[in-house]
Amino acid sequence: IYHVASEQTRQGLSHYLLNACLPDHYARRFLRPPAEGASETRGVCTLTSQPVDIGFACSVCLAVFSHARLPSCPVCGTRFTVHVAAGRMGIKKKQKKRTL
């Protein structure tokens, strides 16, 4: 899977790698660490490149999709045979105890 990163993301990654990985321990004392910003921790849809709160993942290549209405994975070609309805899956209501 290859995702094209934006220019700002590439600059931030290269800045971090140059400051954190290349210098030795002596030189790191004189370098300032990169500024921490708000990082995006949600998954990104492979098709739309939009962040998703609840997504569906291919079980073979782990590509994330924003909807489950796909017959097969567009990345690796795996056919999906089980379609799961989104929502409250597998949650059963507790039965009330009957008193005599």
Protein backbone atom coordinates (compact mmCIF):
# COMPACT_ATOMS: atom_id res chain seq x y z
CA ILE A 1 0.00 0.00 0.00
CA TYR A 2 1.42 3.37 -0.95
CA HIS A 3 -0.04 6.63 0.27
CA VAL A 4 1.16 9.92 -1.20
CA ALA A 5 1.87 12.29 1.68
CA SER A 6 1.38 16.03 1.43
CA GLU A 7 4.37 18.36 1.23
CA GLN A 8 3.87 19.50 4.83
CA THR A 9 3.83 15.89 6.06
CA ARG A 10 7.01 15.04 4.15
CA GLN A 11 8.81 18.09 5.53
CA GLY A 12 7.75 17.25 9.08
CA LEU A 13 8.82 13.63 8.73
CA SER A 14 12.18 14.51 7.21
CA HIS A 15 12.77 17.12 9.95
CA TYR A 16 11.98 14.55 12.64
CA LEU A 17 14.16 11.83 11.10
CA LEU A 18 17.11 14.20 10.60
CA ASN A 19 16.93 15.41 14.21
CA ALA A 20 16.09 12.15 15.95
CA CYS A 21 17.87 9.40 14.04
CA LEU A 22 21.02 10.71 12.37
CA PRO A 23 22.89 12.67 15.07
CA ASP A 24 24.83 10.85 17.75
CA HIS A 25 24.05 11.28 21.47
CA TYR A 26 26.53 14.14 21.88
CA ALA A 27 25.09 16.17 18.98
CA ARG A 28 21.47 15.59 20.06
CA ARG A 29 22.05 17.69 23.18
CA PHE A 30 22.50 20.78 21.00
CA LEU A 31 19.52 20.20 18.70
CA ARG A 32 15.99 21.21 19.54
CA PRO A 33 13.30 18.57 19.02
CA PRO A 34 10.66 19.13 16.37
CA ALA A 35 7.52 20.95 17.49
CA GLU A 36 4.65 18.70 18.44
CA GLY A 37 1.42 19.45 16.67
CA ALA A 38 -2.02 17.94 16.67
CA SER A 39 -1.58 14.54 15.09
CA GLU A 40 -4.39 12.66 13.38
CA THR A 41 -4.93 9.26 14.97
CA ARG A 42 -8.02 8.16 13.06
CA GLY A 43 -7.83 5.72 10.19
CA VAL A 44 -7.88 7.09 6.64
CA CYS A 45 -10.15 5.63 3.96
CA THR A 46 -8.08 4.09 1.16
CA LEU A 47 -10.52 5.21 -1.54
CA THR A 48 -11.40 8.75 -0.43
CA SER A 49 -8.33 9.67 1.69
CA GLN A 50 -10.69 11.06 4.32
CA PRO A 51 -10.33 10.28 8.05
CA VAL A 52 -12.97 7.84 9.35
CA ASP A 53 -14.15 7.29 12.91
CA ILE A 54 -15.64 3.86 12.23
CA GLY A 55 -14.24 2.03 9.23
CA PHE A 56 -14.01 -1.40 7.68
CA ALA A 57 -10.68 -3.12 7.05
CA CYS A 58 -9.69 -5.76 4.51
CA SER A 59 -8.64 -8.90 6.39
CA VAL A 60 -5.75 -9.55 3.97
CA CYS A 61 -4.05 -6.20 3.29
CA LEU A 62 -5.63 -4.17 6.16
CA ALA A 63 -6.76 -1.37 3.84
CA VAL A 64 -9.38 0.81 5.58
CA PHE A 65 -12.67 1.75 3.91
CA SER A 66 -15.39 4.15 5.01
CA HIS A 67 -18.23 1.82 3.95
CA ALA A 68 -18.74 -1.93 3.76
CA ARG A 69 -20.66 -2.10 0.46
CA LEU A 70 -17.72 -3.36 -1.58
CA PRO A 71 -17.77 -6.73 -3.38
CA SER A 72 -13.98 -6.97 -3.25
CA CYS A 73 -10.96 -5.08 -1.97
CA PRO A 74 -9.76 -2.58 -4.61
CA VAL A 75 -6.20 -2.81 -3.25
CA CYS A 76 -5.52 -6.55 -3.16
CA GLY A 77 -8.59 -7.99 -4.94
CA THR A 78 -9.83 -10.17 -2.06
CA ARG A 79 -13.53 -10.96 -2.42
CA PHE A 80 -15.65 -10.16 0.61
CA THR A 81 -18.14 -12.92 1.34
CA VAL A 82 -19.55 -11.81 4.70
CA HIS A 83 -21.29 -8.45 4.81
CA VAL A 84 -21.64 -7.11 8.34
CA ALA A 85 -24.26 -4.51 9.14
CA ALA A 86 -22.85 -1.49 10.91
CA GLY A 87 -24.22 -0.51 14.26
CA ARG A 88 -24.72 -2.55 17.39
CA MET A 89 -23.21 -5.82 16.23
CA GLY A 90 -23.28 -8.80 18.53
CA ILE A 91 -24.85 -6.99 21.47
CA LYS A 92 -27.71 -8.93 22.94
CA LYS A 93 -30.25 -7.52 25.32
CA LYS A 94 -30.32 -9.05 28.76
CA GLN A 95 -33.44 -10.98 29.51
CA LYS A 96 -35.36 -9.94 32.58
CA LYS A 97 -35.64 -12.49 35.33
CA ARG A 98 -39.13 -13.72 35.90
CA THR A 99 -40.33 -13.80 39.45
CA LEU A 100 -43.08 -16.13 40.59
